[in-house]
Amino acid sequence: MLKVTEKARSVFQKLVDGVGETDVIRLVPDLQPDGQQGIGIEAVDQPGPTDRATESEGPEDANAVIIVIAAELAPALDGAVLDARETDEGADLFVRPQAAAS
């Protein structure tokens, strides 16, 4: 299952706050111009019937953004972490492996 950090969830929360009509973000496959598989995002009203859940770090918040993964993208993100870091251009979202349990 994809784990979403508090930093990444905060980036998505700002996105849905700006849209104002949804609180669900869906991660979808996005083919890049160079042929590499990327990740796109969609603001949707509710998760689709085949969408997969994500695990969020940090405290539960009933008003927090819901982040789901399109079924066809889920296997590629299983066991990964979606994180964010601040750059001069704004937030940079990236995927990294989950740390192994010690």
N, C-alpha and C. Protein backbone atom coordinates (compact mmCIF):
# COMPACT_ATOMS: atom_id res chain seq x y z
N MET A 1 0.85 -1.18 0.00
CA MET A 1 0.00 0.00 0.00
C MET A 1 0.89 1.24 0.00
N LEU A 2 0.51 2.24 -0.77
CA LEU A 2 1.24 3.51 -0.80
C LEU A 2 1.02 4.26 0.50
N LYS A 3 2.10 4.75 1.08
CA LYS A 3 2.01 5.59 2.27
C LYS A 3 2.20 7.04 1.83
N VAL A 4 1.38 7.95 2.34
CA VAL A 4 1.45 9.37 2.01
C VAL A 4 1.90 10.13 3.25
N THR A 5 3.00 10.88 3.14
CA THR A 5 3.50 11.62 4.29
C THR A 5 2.62 12.83 4.58
N GLU A 6 2.80 13.38 5.78
CA GLU A 6 2.06 14.59 6.15
C GLU A 6 2.39 15.74 5.21
N LYS A 7 3.66 15.85 4.79
CA LYS A 7 4.05 16.92 3.86
C LYS A 7 3.32 16.80 2.53
N ALA A 8 3.26 15.59 1.99
CA ALA A 8 2.57 15.38 0.72
C ALA A 8 1.07 15.62 0.88
N ARG A 9 0.50 15.14 1.97
CA ARG A 9 -0.93 15.34 2.21
C ARG A 9 -1.25 16.83 2.31
N SER A 10 -0.33 17.61 2.90
CA SER A 10 -0.52 19.05 3.01
C SER A 10 -0.54 19.71 1.62
N VAL A 11 0.31 19.26 0.72
CA VAL A 11 0.32 19.79 -0.65
C VAL A 11 -1.02 19.53 -1.32
N PHE A 12 -1.52 18.29 -1.20
CA PHE A 12 -2.81 17.94 -1.80
C PHE A 12 -3.95 18.70 -1.13
N GLN A 13 -3.86 18.92 0.18
CA GLN A 13 -4.91 19.66 0.89
C GLN A 13 -5.01 21.08 0.33
N LYS A 14 -3.86 21.71 0.07
CA LYS A 14 -3.88 23.06 -0.51
C LYS A 14 -4.52 23.05 -1.89
N LEU A 15 -4.27 21.98 -2.67
CA LEU A 15 -4.88 21.87 -3.99
C LEU A 15 -6.40 21.79 -3.90
N VAL A 16 -6.91 20.92 -3.04
CA VAL A 16 -8.37 20.78 -2.97
C VAL A 16 -9.01 21.99 -2.30
N ASP A 17 -8.30 22.65 -1.40
CA ASP A 17 -8.84 23.88 -0.81
C ASP A 17 -9.01 24.94 -1.88
N GLY A 18 -8.10 24.95 -2.85
CA GLY A 18 -8.19 25.90 -3.96
C GLY A 18 -9.32 25.59 -4.92
N VAL A 19 -9.64 24.31 -5.09
CA VAL A 19 -10.72 23.90 -5.98
C VAL A 19 -12.06 24.17 -5.31
N GLY A 20 -12.16 23.82 -4.02
CA GLY A 20 -13.33 24.13 -3.24
C GLY A 20 -14.52 23.21 -3.39
N GLU A 21 -14.51 22.31 -4.38
CA GLU A 21 -15.69 21.47 -4.59
C GLU A 21 -15.41 19.99 -4.35
N THR A 22 -14.22 19.64 -3.97
CA THR A 22 -13.88 18.24 -3.79
C THR A 22 -12.91 18.10 -2.63
N ASP A 23 -12.83 16.89 -2.09
CA ASP A 23 -11.82 16.61 -1.08
C ASP A 23 -11.13 15.28 -1.38
N VAL A 24 -11.21 14.87 -2.67
CA VAL A 24 -10.59 13.61 -3.09
C VAL A 24 -9.58 13.89 -4.21
N ILE A 25 -8.37 13.38 -4.04
CA ILE A 25 -7.33 13.42 -5.06
C ILE A 25 -7.08 11.99 -5.52
N ARG A 26 -7.04 11.82 -6.81
CA ARG A 26 -6.81 10.49 -7.40
C ARG A 26 -5.50 10.51 -8.16
N LEU A 27 -4.61 9.59 -7.83
CA LEU A 27 -3.35 9.43 -8.54
C LEU A 27 -3.60 8.51 -9.73
N VAL A 28 -3.20 8.96 -10.92
CA VAL A 28 -3.47 8.22 -12.15
C VAL A 28 -2.19 8.07 -12.96
N PRO A 29 -2.13 7.05 -13.85
CA PRO A 29 -0.97 6.93 -14.73
C PRO A 29 -0.91 8.12 -15.67
N ASP A 30 0.30 8.58 -15.96
CA ASP A 30 0.49 9.73 -16.84
C ASP A 30 1.74 9.48 -17.67
N LEU A 31 1.54 9.13 -18.94
CA LEU A 31 2.66 8.83 -19.83
C LEU A 31 3.39 10.12 -20.18
N GLN A 32 4.68 10.16 -19.92
CA GLN A 32 5.50 11.34 -20.17
C GLN A 32 5.92 11.39 -21.64
N PRO A 33 6.31 12.58 -22.15
CA PRO A 33 6.73 12.71 -23.55
C PRO A 33 7.89 11.79 -23.93
N ASP A 34 8.74 11.45 -22.94
CA ASP A 34 9.87 10.57 -23.22
C ASP A 34 9.50 9.09 -23.15
N GLY A 35 8.21 8.79 -22.95
CA GLY A 35 7.74 7.41 -22.90
C GLY A 35 7.76 6.80 -21.51
N GLN A 36 8.32 7.51 -20.54
CA GLN A 36 8.36 7.00 -19.16
C GLN A 36 6.99 7.15 -18.51
N GLN A 37 6.70 6.22 -17.60
CA GLN A 37 5.45 6.29 -16.85
C GLN A 37 5.59 7.30 -15.73
N GLY A 38 4.68 8.23 -15.65
CA GLY A 38 4.66 9.20 -14.57
C GLY A 38 3.37 9.07 -13.79
N ILE A 39 3.18 9.98 -12.86
CA ILE A 39 1.97 9.99 -12.03
C ILE A 39 1.28 11.33 -12.21
N GLY A 40 0.02 11.28 -12.57
CA GLY A 40 -0.79 12.48 -12.68
C GLY A 40 -1.77 12.54 -11.53
N ILE A 41 -2.39 13.69 -11.36
CA ILE A 41 -3.39 13.83 -10.30
C ILE A 41 -4.68 14.38 -10.88
N GLU A 42 -5.77 13.94 -10.31
CA GLU A 42 -7.10 14.43 -10.66
C GLU A 42 -7.86 14.75 -9.39
N ALA A 43 -8.57 15.86 -9.39
CA ALA A 43 -9.50 16.16 -8.30
C ALA A 43 -10.83 15.55 -8.70
N VAL A 44 -11.37 14.67 -7.86
CA VAL A 44 -12.63 13.98 -8.17
C VAL A 44 -13.60 14.13 -7.01
N ASP A 45 -14.88 13.93 -7.32
CA ASP A 45 -15.92 14.06 -6.29
C ASP A 45 -15.86 12.94 -5.27
N GLN A 46 -15.56 11.73 -5.72
CA GLN A 46 -15.48 10.58 -4.83
C GLN A 46 -14.62 9.52 -5.48
N PRO A 47 -14.05 8.63 -4.68
CA PRO A 47 -13.24 7.55 -5.25
C PRO A 47 -14.09 6.67 -6.17
N GLY A 48 -13.45 6.16 -7.22
CA GLY A 48 -14.12 5.24 -8.13
C GLY A 48 -14.21 3.85 -7.51
N PRO A 49 -15.01 2.98 -8.09
CA PRO A 49 -15.22 1.65 -7.51
C PRO A 49 -13.96 0.78 -7.49
N THR A 50 -13.00 1.04 -8.38
CA THR A 50 -11.79 0.22 -8.40
C THR A 50 -10.57 0.95 -7.83
N ASP A 51 -10.75 2.18 -7.37
CA ASP A 51 -9.63 2.93 -6.79
C ASP A 51 -9.14 2.24 -5.52
N ARG A 52 -7.85 2.38 -5.26
CA ARG A 52 -7.23 1.78 -4.08
C ARG A 52 -6.94 2.86 -3.05
N ALA A 53 -7.04 2.49 -1.79
CA ALA A 53 -6.79 3.41 -0.69
C ALA A 53 -5.29 3.64 -0.51
N THR A 54 -4.94 4.70 0.20
CA THR A 54 -3.57 4.96 0.61
C THR A 54 -3.54 5.03 2.13
N GLU A 55 -2.36 4.95 2.68
CA GLU A 55 -2.17 5.07 4.12
C GLU A 55 -1.53 6.42 4.38
N SER A 56 -2.07 7.18 5.32
CA SER A 56 -1.53 8.50 5.63
C SER A 56 -0.77 8.49 6.94
N GLU A 57 0.35 9.21 6.95
CA GLU A 57 1.08 9.40 8.20
C GLU A 57 0.40 10.51 8.98
N GLY A 58 0.64 10.55 10.26
CA GLY A 58 0.14 11.63 11.09
C GLY A 58 -1.26 11.37 11.62
N PRO A 59 -1.79 12.34 12.36
CA PRO A 59 -3.10 12.18 12.99
C PRO A 59 -4.22 12.17 11.97
N GLU A 60 -5.27 11.45 12.28
CA GLU A 60 -6.45 11.40 11.42
C GLU A 60 -7.21 12.73 11.55
N ASP A 61 -7.72 13.21 10.43
CA ASP A 61 -8.48 14.45 10.39
C ASP A 61 -9.69 14.20 9.50
N ALA A 62 -10.87 14.31 10.05
CA ALA A 62 -12.10 14.03 9.30
C ALA A 62 -12.25 14.95 8.10
N ASN A 63 -11.64 16.13 8.14
CA ASN A 63 -11.75 17.08 7.04
C ASN A 63 -10.58 17.03 6.07
N ALA A 64 -9.68 16.09 6.28
CA ALA A 64 -8.48 16.01 5.45
C ALA A 64 -8.80 15.47 4.06
N VAL A 65 -7.95 15.83 3.13
CA VAL A 65 -8.06 15.33 1.76
C VAL A 65 -7.94 13.80 1.76
N ILE A 66 -8.69 13.18 0.88
CA ILE A 66 -8.64 11.73 0.68
C ILE A 66 -7.80 11.50 -0.57
N ILE A 67 -6.81 10.63 -0.48
CA ILE A 67 -5.94 10.35 -1.61
C ILE A 67 -6.11 8.88 -1.98
N VAL A 68 -6.49 8.64 -3.23
CA VAL A 68 -6.68 7.28 -3.73
C VAL A 68 -5.81 7.08 -4.97
N ILE A 69 -5.65 5.82 -5.35
CA ILE A 69 -4.83 5.47 -6.51
C ILE A 69 -5.70 4.72 -7.52
N ALA A 70 -5.59 5.10 -8.79
CA ALA A 70 -6.27 4.34 -9.84
C ALA A 70 -5.74 2.91 -9.81
N ALA A 71 -6.63 1.95 -9.99
CA ALA A 71 -6.29 0.53 -9.86
C ALA A 71 -5.09 0.14 -10.73
N GLU A 72 -5.00 0.68 -11.94
CA GLU A 72 -3.91 0.29 -12.83
C GLU A 72 -2.55 0.84 -12.40
N LEU A 73 -2.53 1.83 -11.53
CA LEU A 73 -1.28 2.42 -11.03
C LEU A 73 -0.86 1.80 -9.69
N ALA A 74 -1.82 1.25 -8.96
CA ALA A 74 -1.56 0.77 -7.60
C ALA A 74 -0.41 -0.24 -7.50
N PRO A 75 -0.30 -1.23 -8.38
CA PRO A 75 0.81 -2.18 -8.22
C PRO A 75 2.20 -1.53 -8.28
N ALA A 76 2.34 -0.50 -9.11
CA ALA A 76 3.63 0.17 -9.24
C ALA A 76 4.00 0.97 -7.99
N LEU A 77 3.00 1.34 -7.19
CA LEU A 77 3.25 2.16 -6.00
C LEU A 77 3.17 1.36 -4.70
N ASP A 78 2.91 0.07 -4.80
CA ASP A 78 2.82 -0.75 -3.60
C ASP A 78 4.17 -0.77 -2.88
N GLY A 79 4.15 -0.47 -1.60
CA GLY A 79 5.38 -0.46 -0.81
C GLY A 79 6.19 0.81 -0.96
N ALA A 80 5.61 1.86 -1.53
CA ALA A 80 6.31 3.13 -1.72
C ALA A 80 5.74 4.20 -0.79
N VAL A 81 6.46 5.32 -0.72
CA VAL A 81 6.04 6.48 0.07
C VAL A 81 5.95 7.68 -0.87
N LEU A 82 4.84 8.39 -0.81
CA LEU A 82 4.70 9.65 -1.54
C LEU A 82 5.03 10.76 -0.56
N ASP A 83 6.07 11.53 -0.89
CA ASP A 83 6.56 12.56 0.02
C ASP A 83 6.65 13.89 -0.73
N ALA A 84 6.98 14.96 -0.02
CA ALA A 84 7.13 16.28 -0.63
C ALA A 84 8.26 17.02 0.03
N ARG A 85 8.88 17.90 -0.74
CA ARG A 85 9.89 18.80 -0.20
C ARG A 85 9.69 20.17 -0.84
N GLU A 86 10.06 21.19 -0.10
CA GLU A 86 9.93 22.55 -0.61
C GLU A 86 11.15 22.89 -1.47
N THR A 87 10.89 23.53 -2.60
CA THR A 87 11.96 24.01 -3.48
C THR A 87 11.70 25.49 -3.75
N ASP A 88 12.61 26.12 -4.47
CA ASP A 88 12.42 27.53 -4.83
C ASP A 88 11.19 27.72 -5.71
N GLU A 89 10.81 26.68 -6.45
CA GLU A 89 9.65 26.75 -7.34
C GLU A 89 8.36 26.32 -6.66
N GLY A 90 8.44 25.89 -5.42
CA GLY A 90 7.26 25.41 -4.70
C GLY A 90 7.46 23.98 -4.26
N ALA A 91 6.37 23.29 -3.99
CA ALA A 91 6.45 21.92 -3.48
C ALA A 91 6.83 20.95 -4.60
N ASP A 92 7.67 20.00 -4.27
CA ASP A 92 8.09 18.95 -5.18
C ASP A 92 7.65 17.62 -4.59
N LEU A 93 6.73 16.95 -5.26
CA LEU A 93 6.28 15.63 -4.81
C LEU A 93 7.16 14.57 -5.43
N PHE A 94 7.49 13.55 -4.65
CA PHE A 94 8.33 12.47 -5.16
C PHE A 94 7.96 11.16 -4.47
N VAL A 95 8.33 10.06 -5.12
CA VAL A 95 8.06 8.72 -4.60
C VAL A 95 9.38 8.11 -4.19
N ARG A 96 9.39 7.49 -3.01
CA ARG A 96 10.58 6.80 -2.52
C ARG A 96 10.16 5.47 -1.90
N PRO A 97 11.11 4.53 -1.76
CA PRO A 97 10.75 3.26 -1.12
C PRO A 97 10.48 3.44 0.36
N GLN A 98 9.63 2.58 0.92
CA GLN A 98 9.42 2.60 2.37
C GLN A 98 10.65 2.02 3.04
N ALA A 99 10.99 2.57 4.19
CA ALA A 99 12.13 2.06 4.96
C ALA A 99 11.80 0.66 5.44
N ALA A 100 12.80 -0.19 5.44
CA ALA A 100 12.59 -1.57 5.92
C ALA A 100 12.39 -1.56 7.43
N ALA A 101 11.52 -2.43 7.90
CA ALA A 101 11.28 -2.54 9.35
C ALA A 101 12.52 -3.09 10.02
N SER A 102 12.88 -2.52 11.19
CA SER A 102 14.06 -3.01 11.87
C SER A 102 13.74 -4.01 12.93
